[in-house]
Each structure stands twice: as C-alpha cells, then as structure tokens.
C-alpha cells in the first residue's frame, strides 16, 4: 500500500496532503496529524455512522458536540472515528516527518 503523498490519487486527498506538506515545509504546525493521516490512509480509522448535533440552547453545555450511533447505516449522516490503528498511524507519521526533516 502506497501511503506517500505521491500515492494519493483523489483530488480531495491530494489537496489535503499538499496542504500538510506545504505547512511542514514552512515549519508550520499541523494541528491534527491524525486527521491528515486518515485522509492519506482512510483505513487507519474505525468509524461508525452517527447523528451529530451541536448544543445551541443550554448555556451550561453550549457548543458541546453530541452524537448518537445509528444501528441503521443509512440514517447516520456523519462518520465518527471510534478507534485508530495506532501502529499504522505511528509508522505513517514517523515516515512522513522523517522525510520532511532531511
């Protein structure tokens, strides 16, 4: 499996990979490297479909994100990550950062 930036074939994945690479080249931080890694290797995360909403009325929990897993895959509108392949993520991250540092 080719997880390098050049191995990314779709426009969306390529755009995200290019953005991450340009930020790293300029010394800028990538704020969520797991999210970028998941764009490069979608199989990295285990997801479930869920209904998601943001609390907008209760002042004590305003802005909180709520989600409810959907048994029916067709009803869940958002993929929510519930697990990650840690070893694969670390391998991708260290390989990518190692290339950027040389």
N, C-alpha and C. Protein backbone atom coordinates (compact mmCIF):
# COMPACT_ATOMS: atom_id res chain seq x y z
N UNK A 1 0.84 -1.17 0.00
CA UNK A 1 0.00 0.00 0.00
C UNK A 1 0.89 1.24 0.00
N UNK A 2 0.62 2.14 -0.92
CA UNK A 2 1.42 3.36 -1.04
C UNK A 2 0.71 4.47 -0.27
N UNK A 3 1.27 4.89 0.85
CA UNK A 3 0.67 5.95 1.65
C UNK A 3 1.43 7.26 1.50
N UNK A 4 2.33 7.33 0.55
CA UNK A 4 3.07 8.57 0.36
C UNK A 4 2.17 9.60 -0.32
N UNK A 5 2.58 10.84 -0.23
CA UNK A 5 1.81 11.90 -0.85
C UNK A 5 1.62 11.63 -2.35
N UNK A 6 2.63 11.09 -3.01
CA UNK A 6 2.50 10.82 -4.44
C UNK A 6 1.57 9.66 -4.72
N UNK A 7 1.29 8.82 -3.71
CA UNK A 7 0.39 7.70 -3.90
C UNK A 7 -1.07 8.07 -3.77
N UNK A 8 -1.35 9.28 -3.33
CA UNK A 8 -2.73 9.71 -3.14
C UNK A 8 -3.32 10.07 -4.50
N UNK A 9 -4.46 9.47 -4.81
CA UNK A 9 -5.00 9.62 -6.15
C UNK A 9 -6.16 10.60 -6.28
N UNK A 10 -6.99 10.76 -5.27
CA UNK A 10 -8.16 11.61 -5.43
C UNK A 10 -7.80 13.07 -5.20
N UNK A 11 -8.59 13.95 -5.77
CA UNK A 11 -8.35 15.39 -5.66
C UNK A 11 -8.42 15.83 -4.20
N UNK A 12 -9.41 15.36 -3.45
CA UNK A 12 -9.55 15.76 -2.05
C UNK A 12 -8.34 15.33 -1.24
N UNK A 13 -7.96 14.07 -1.35
CA UNK A 13 -6.82 13.58 -0.58
C UNK A 13 -5.55 14.29 -1.01
N UNK A 14 -5.38 14.49 -2.29
CA UNK A 14 -4.18 15.15 -2.78
C UNK A 14 -4.09 16.58 -2.26
N UNK A 15 -5.23 17.29 -2.25
CA UNK A 15 -5.25 18.66 -1.75
C UNK A 15 -4.86 18.71 -0.27
N UNK A 16 -5.42 17.81 0.52
CA UNK A 16 -5.09 17.78 1.95
C UNK A 16 -3.62 17.43 2.16
N UNK A 17 -3.13 16.48 1.40
CA UNK A 17 -1.72 16.08 1.52
C UNK A 17 -0.80 17.23 1.11
N UNK A 18 -1.14 17.93 0.04
CA UNK A 18 -0.34 19.06 -0.41
C UNK A 18 -0.33 20.18 0.63
N UNK A 19 -1.49 20.44 1.24
CA UNK A 19 -1.57 21.46 2.28
C UNK A 19 -0.68 21.09 3.46
N UNK A 20 -0.79 19.84 3.91
CA UNK A 20 0.03 19.39 5.04
C UNK A 20 1.50 19.48 4.71
N UNK A 21 1.88 19.05 3.51
CA UNK A 21 3.29 19.09 3.11
C UNK A 21 3.80 20.52 3.05
N UNK A 22 2.99 21.45 2.52
CA UNK A 22 3.44 22.84 2.42
C UNK A 22 3.58 23.46 3.81
N UNK A 23 2.69 23.11 4.72
CA UNK A 23 2.78 23.63 6.09
C UNK A 23 4.04 23.10 6.76
N UNK A 24 4.32 21.83 6.57
CA UNK A 24 5.52 21.26 7.17
C UNK A 24 6.78 21.87 6.57
N UNK A 25 6.75 22.13 5.26
CA UNK A 25 7.91 22.73 4.59
C UNK A 25 8.21 24.12 5.14
N UNK A 26 7.17 24.85 5.55
CA UNK A 26 7.34 26.21 6.09
C UNK A 26 7.58 26.19 7.60
N UNK A 27 7.60 25.01 8.19
CA UNK A 27 7.80 24.91 9.63
C UNK A 27 6.54 25.13 10.43
N UNK A 28 5.38 25.21 9.76
CA UNK A 28 4.12 25.41 10.46
C UNK A 28 3.64 24.10 11.07
N UNK A 29 2.94 24.21 12.16
CA UNK A 29 2.41 23.02 12.83
C UNK A 29 1.19 22.49 12.08
N UNK A 30 1.06 21.18 12.08
CA UNK A 30 -0.16 20.53 11.61
C UNK A 30 -0.95 20.25 12.88
N UNK A 31 -2.09 20.86 13.03
CA UNK A 31 -2.82 20.83 14.30
C UNK A 31 -3.46 19.48 14.61
N UNK A 32 -3.82 18.72 13.62
CA UNK A 32 -4.42 17.40 13.88
C UNK A 32 -3.81 16.39 12.93
N UNK A 33 -2.61 15.90 13.25
CA UNK A 33 -1.94 14.98 12.34
C UNK A 33 -2.70 13.68 12.12
N UNK A 34 -3.52 13.25 13.08
CA UNK A 34 -4.30 12.03 12.86
C UNK A 34 -5.34 12.26 11.77
N UNK A 35 -5.95 13.44 11.74
CA UNK A 35 -6.93 13.75 10.69
C UNK A 35 -6.26 13.75 9.32
N UNK A 36 -5.07 14.32 9.22
CA UNK A 36 -4.35 14.33 7.95
C UNK A 36 -3.96 12.91 7.56
N UNK A 37 -3.49 12.14 8.53
CA UNK A 37 -3.11 10.75 8.26
C UNK A 37 -4.31 9.95 7.77
N UNK A 38 -5.47 10.21 8.33
CA UNK A 38 -6.68 9.49 7.91
C UNK A 38 -7.07 9.86 6.48
N UNK A 39 -6.76 11.07 6.05
CA UNK A 39 -7.00 11.43 4.65
C UNK A 39 -6.07 10.65 3.73
N UNK A 40 -4.84 10.46 4.17
CA UNK A 40 -3.88 9.72 3.37
C UNK A 40 -4.16 8.23 3.38
N UNK A 41 -4.67 7.72 4.50
CA UNK A 41 -4.92 6.29 4.66
C UNK A 41 -6.27 6.12 5.36
N UNK A 42 -7.37 6.14 4.60
CA UNK A 42 -8.70 6.09 5.20
C UNK A 42 -8.95 4.85 6.06
N UNK A 43 -8.24 3.76 5.82
CA UNK A 43 -8.42 2.56 6.62
C UNK A 43 -7.80 2.66 8.00
N UNK A 44 -7.14 3.76 8.29
CA UNK A 44 -6.48 3.98 9.57
C UNK A 44 -7.48 4.07 10.72
N UNK A 45 -8.64 4.61 10.45
CA UNK A 45 -9.66 4.81 11.48
C UNK A 45 -10.79 3.81 11.36
N UNK A 46 -11.33 3.43 12.50
CA UNK A 46 -12.57 2.67 12.54
C UNK A 46 -13.66 3.68 12.84
N UNK A 47 -14.68 3.73 12.00
CA UNK A 47 -15.73 4.72 12.18
C UNK A 47 -17.09 4.04 12.33
N UNK A 48 -18.02 4.79 12.88
CA UNK A 48 -19.40 4.36 12.87
C UNK A 48 -20.25 5.53 12.42
N UNK A 49 -21.38 5.22 11.86
CA UNK A 49 -22.28 6.27 11.38
C UNK A 49 -23.05 6.80 12.58
N UNK A 50 -23.25 8.10 12.60
CA UNK A 50 -23.94 8.70 13.75
C UNK A 50 -24.71 9.93 13.32
N UNK A 51 -25.68 10.25 14.14
CA UNK A 51 -26.38 11.53 14.03
C UNK A 51 -25.64 12.48 14.97
N UNK A 52 -25.24 13.63 14.46
CA UNK A 52 -24.44 14.56 15.26
C UNK A 52 -25.16 15.89 15.34
N UNK A 53 -25.10 16.49 16.53
CA UNK A 53 -25.67 17.83 16.71
C UNK A 53 -24.80 18.61 17.69
N UNK A 54 -24.85 19.91 17.59
CA UNK A 54 -24.11 20.80 18.49
C UNK A 54 -25.13 21.50 19.37
N UNK A 55 -24.88 21.47 20.67
CA UNK A 55 -25.78 22.11 21.63
C UNK A 55 -25.77 23.61 21.42
N UNK A 56 -26.96 24.18 21.19
CA UNK A 56 -27.06 25.61 20.92
C UNK A 56 -28.03 26.33 21.84
N UNK A 57 -28.64 25.62 22.79
CA UNK A 57 -29.63 26.27 23.64
C UNK A 57 -29.26 26.29 25.12
N UNK A 58 -28.73 25.23 25.66
CA UNK A 58 -28.40 25.15 27.09
C UNK A 58 -27.09 25.90 27.35
N UNK A 59 -27.13 26.99 28.11
CA UNK A 59 -25.90 27.78 28.33
C UNK A 59 -24.81 27.01 29.08
N UNK A 60 -25.18 25.99 29.85
CA UNK A 60 -24.17 25.24 30.60
C UNK A 60 -23.40 24.27 29.72
N UNK A 61 -23.98 23.88 28.58
CA UNK A 61 -23.30 22.94 27.68
C UNK A 61 -23.20 23.48 26.26
N UNK A 62 -23.41 24.79 26.11
CA UNK A 62 -23.39 25.42 24.79
C UNK A 62 -22.11 25.07 24.03
N UNK A 63 -22.27 24.63 22.79
CA UNK A 63 -21.13 24.30 21.95
C UNK A 63 -20.70 22.84 22.05
N UNK A 64 -21.27 22.10 22.98
CA UNK A 64 -20.91 20.69 23.12
C UNK A 64 -21.40 19.90 21.91
N UNK A 65 -20.58 18.97 21.47
CA UNK A 65 -20.95 18.12 20.34
C UNK A 65 -21.55 16.84 20.90
N UNK A 66 -22.71 16.50 20.41
CA UNK A 66 -23.41 15.28 20.82
C UNK A 66 -23.55 14.37 19.61
N UNK A 67 -23.36 13.09 19.83
CA UNK A 67 -23.64 12.17 18.75
C UNK A 67 -24.29 10.92 19.27
N UNK A 68 -25.12 10.33 18.42
CA UNK A 68 -25.81 9.09 18.75
C UNK A 68 -25.53 8.11 17.62
N UNK A 69 -24.95 6.97 17.99
CA UNK A 69 -24.65 5.94 16.99
C UNK A 69 -25.96 5.46 16.38
N UNK A 70 -25.90 5.19 15.09
CA UNK A 70 -27.07 4.70 14.36
C UNK A 70 -26.86 3.23 14.02
N UNK A 71 -27.80 2.40 14.42
CA UNK A 71 -27.74 0.99 14.05
C UNK A 71 -27.94 0.87 12.54
N UNK A 72 -28.82 1.68 12.01
CA UNK A 72 -29.10 1.70 10.57
C UNK A 72 -28.08 2.61 9.89
N UNK A 73 -27.13 2.02 9.16
CA UNK A 73 -26.07 2.78 8.50
C UNK A 73 -26.61 3.89 7.59
N UNK A 74 -27.77 3.71 7.01
CA UNK A 74 -28.34 4.71 6.11
C UNK A 74 -28.78 5.97 6.84
N UNK A 75 -29.10 5.86 8.12
CA UNK A 75 -29.59 7.02 8.88
C UNK A 75 -28.47 7.89 9.40
N UNK A 76 -27.34 7.29 9.73
CA UNK A 76 -26.22 8.08 10.25
C UNK A 76 -25.63 8.93 9.15
N UNK A 77 -25.58 10.22 9.36
CA UNK A 77 -25.12 11.12 8.31
C UNK A 77 -23.64 11.46 8.42
N UNK A 78 -23.03 11.16 9.57
CA UNK A 78 -21.64 11.53 9.80
C UNK A 78 -20.84 10.30 10.24
N UNK A 79 -19.64 10.16 9.71
CA UNK A 79 -18.75 9.09 10.16
C UNK A 79 -17.96 9.61 11.36
N UNK A 80 -18.09 8.95 12.49
CA UNK A 80 -17.40 9.34 13.72
C UNK A 80 -16.31 8.31 14.01
N UNK A 81 -15.09 8.77 14.18
CA UNK A 81 -13.99 7.85 14.47
C UNK A 81 -14.11 7.36 15.91
N UNK A 82 -14.02 6.04 16.07
CA UNK A 82 -14.11 5.45 17.41
C UNK A 82 -12.83 4.70 17.78
N UNK A 83 -11.95 4.48 16.80
CA UNK A 83 -10.68 3.80 17.07
C UNK A 83 -9.72 4.10 15.93
N UNK A 84 -8.43 3.95 16.23
CA UNK A 84 -7.39 4.15 15.21
C UNK A 84 -6.38 3.02 15.33
N UNK A 85 -5.80 2.67 14.20
CA UNK A 85 -4.72 1.68 14.18
C UNK A 85 -3.45 2.40 14.60
N UNK A 86 -3.11 2.30 15.88
CA UNK A 86 -2.01 3.06 16.45
C UNK A 86 -0.67 2.79 15.75
N UNK A 87 -0.37 1.52 15.55
CA UNK A 87 0.92 1.17 14.94
C UNK A 87 1.02 1.73 13.52
N UNK A 88 -0.05 1.60 12.75
CA UNK A 88 -0.04 2.12 11.37
C UNK A 88 0.08 3.64 11.36
N UNK A 89 -0.63 4.30 12.29
CA UNK A 89 -0.56 5.75 12.38
C UNK A 89 0.86 6.21 12.71
N UNK A 90 1.46 5.60 13.71
CA UNK A 90 2.83 6.00 14.09
C UNK A 90 3.82 5.74 12.96
N UNK A 91 3.63 4.64 12.25
CA UNK A 91 4.51 4.34 11.11
C UNK A 91 4.39 5.42 10.03
N UNK A 92 3.16 5.79 9.69
CA UNK A 92 2.93 6.83 8.68
C UNK A 92 3.47 8.18 9.15
N UNK A 93 3.19 8.52 10.41
CA UNK A 93 3.62 9.81 10.95
C UNK A 93 5.15 9.92 10.97
N UNK A 94 5.81 8.91 11.50
CA UNK A 94 7.27 8.99 11.60
C UNK A 94 7.93 8.93 10.22
N UNK A 95 7.35 8.16 9.31
CA UNK A 95 7.91 8.11 7.95
C UNK A 95 7.76 9.47 7.27
N UNK A 96 6.62 10.10 7.45
CA UNK A 96 6.36 11.41 6.83
C UNK A 96 7.24 12.49 7.45
N UNK A 97 7.31 12.53 8.76
CA UNK A 97 8.13 13.53 9.43
C UNK A 97 9.61 13.31 9.14
N UNK A 98 10.02 12.06 9.05
CA UNK A 98 11.41 11.75 8.72
C UNK A 98 11.79 12.27 7.35
N UNK A 99 10.87 12.16 6.38
CA UNK A 99 11.15 12.68 5.03
C UNK A 99 11.21 14.19 5.04
N UNK A 100 10.38 14.84 5.87
CA UNK A 100 10.34 16.30 5.90
C UNK A 100 11.58 16.88 6.56
N UNK A 101 12.23 16.13 7.44
CA UNK A 101 13.34 16.67 8.21
C UNK A 101 14.67 16.54 7.47
N UNK A 102 14.73 15.75 6.44
CA UNK A 102 16.00 15.56 5.73
C UNK A 102 16.18 16.53 4.60
